[in-house]
Amino acid sequence: MSNKIKTNSLKIIKINKQTYIPYQLHQLPKYFDKNKIDYFNLKGYCYINLIDIKENNTNFNLKNFKDNLVFHKSYNYKLSR
């Protein structure tokens, strides 16, 4: 049994009961460190584990993130992915 991810659109991914949030490479958070954070790259996006995000950013709001998650930059420039 292989763990292949097949996706054609931008979305939040759950693997082995862990949630991963997508970021573009130029929009990575300041606390991002390859050695300390659980992440993986897929189709030009860096998916960071939600637990690591909440540990480093106490003001992170997942509901707000989901509501503003869009693939095209022209919809909402500040939170576009």
Protein backbone atom coordinates (compact mmCIF):
# COMPACT_ATOMS: atom_id res chain seq x y z
CA MET A 1 0.00 0.00 0.00
CA SER A 2 1.53 3.30 -1.04
CA ASN A 3 0.93 6.79 0.31
CA LYS A 4 0.45 8.74 -2.91
CA ILE A 5 -1.32 12.07 -2.88
CA LYS A 6 -3.39 12.88 -5.94
CA THR A 7 -4.72 16.42 -6.02
CA ASN A 8 -5.60 18.92 -8.72
CA SER A 9 -6.61 21.83 -6.52
CA LEU A 10 -5.32 23.67 -3.50
CA LYS A 11 -6.69 22.32 -0.24
CA ILE A 12 -5.86 21.42 3.33
CA ILE A 13 -4.49 17.86 3.44
CA LYS A 14 -4.89 15.28 6.21
CA ILE A 15 -2.35 12.45 6.41
CA ASN A 16 -2.18 9.96 9.30
CA LYS A 17 -4.45 12.11 11.52
CA GLN A 18 -2.21 15.14 10.93
CA THR A 19 -3.46 18.30 9.20
CA TYR A 20 -1.21 20.20 6.79
CA ILE A 21 -1.79 23.81 5.69
CA PRO A 22 -0.55 25.03 2.25
CA TYR A 23 1.81 27.97 1.82
CA GLN A 24 3.56 29.31 -1.26
CA LEU A 25 7.33 29.34 -0.93
CA HIS A 26 7.55 33.13 -0.84
CA GLN A 27 4.78 33.32 1.81
CA LEU A 28 6.30 31.01 4.41
CA PRO A 29 5.94 32.20 8.01
CA LYS A 30 8.92 33.80 9.78
CA TYR A 31 9.23 30.88 12.20
CA PHE A 32 9.66 28.32 9.38
CA ASP A 33 12.78 26.20 9.94
CA LYS A 34 13.40 23.05 7.91
CA ASN A 35 14.98 21.26 10.87
CA LYS A 36 12.26 21.97 13.46
CA ILE A 37 8.95 21.93 11.56
CA ASP A 38 7.06 18.98 10.05
CA TYR A 39 6.42 19.86 6.40
CA PHE A 40 6.46 18.52 2.85
CA ASN A 41 6.45 20.04 -0.65
CA LEU A 42 3.79 19.25 -3.25
CA LYS A 43 3.23 20.96 -6.61
CA GLY A 44 5.00 24.19 -5.70
CA TYR A 45 3.39 24.53 -2.26
CA CYS A 46 4.88 23.88 1.15
CA TYR A 47 2.46 22.09 3.47
CA ILE A 48 3.15 22.77 7.17
CA ASN A 49 1.73 20.73 10.02
CA LEU A 50 -1.11 22.53 11.85
CA ILE A 51 0.33 21.61 15.26
CA ASP A 52 3.60 23.38 14.45
CA ILE A 53 1.72 26.43 13.20
CA LYS A 54 -0.33 26.69 16.40
CA GLU A 55 2.77 26.25 18.58
CA ASN A 56 4.56 29.14 16.87
CA ASN A 57 1.57 31.40 16.19
CA THR A 58 -0.91 31.66 19.06
CA ASN A 59 -3.19 33.98 17.05
CA PHE A 60 -3.70 31.55 14.15
CA ASN A 61 -7.39 31.17 13.27
CA LEU A 62 -8.09 28.04 11.20
CA LYS A 63 -11.66 29.04 10.34
CA ASN A 64 -10.50 32.41 9.00
CA PHE A 65 -7.72 30.66 7.04
CA LYS A 66 -10.21 28.24 5.43
CA ASP A 67 -12.61 31.05 4.53
CA ASN A 68 -9.86 33.04 2.79
CA LEU A 69 -8.10 30.12 1.09
CA VAL A 70 -8.23 30.79 -2.65
CA PHE A 71 -6.07 29.65 -5.51
CA HIS A 72 -6.17 32.85 -7.53
CA LYS A 73 -4.32 35.93 -6.24
CA SER A 74 -6.83 38.52 -7.46
CA TYR A 75 -9.60 37.50 -5.04
CA ASN A 76 -7.93 38.48 -1.79
CA TYR A 77 -4.29 39.49 -2.20
CA LYS A 78 -3.39 39.36 1.50
CA LEU A 79 -4.30 35.71 2.08
CA SER A 80 -4.12 34.29 -1.43
CA ARG A 81 -2.43 30.92 -1.77
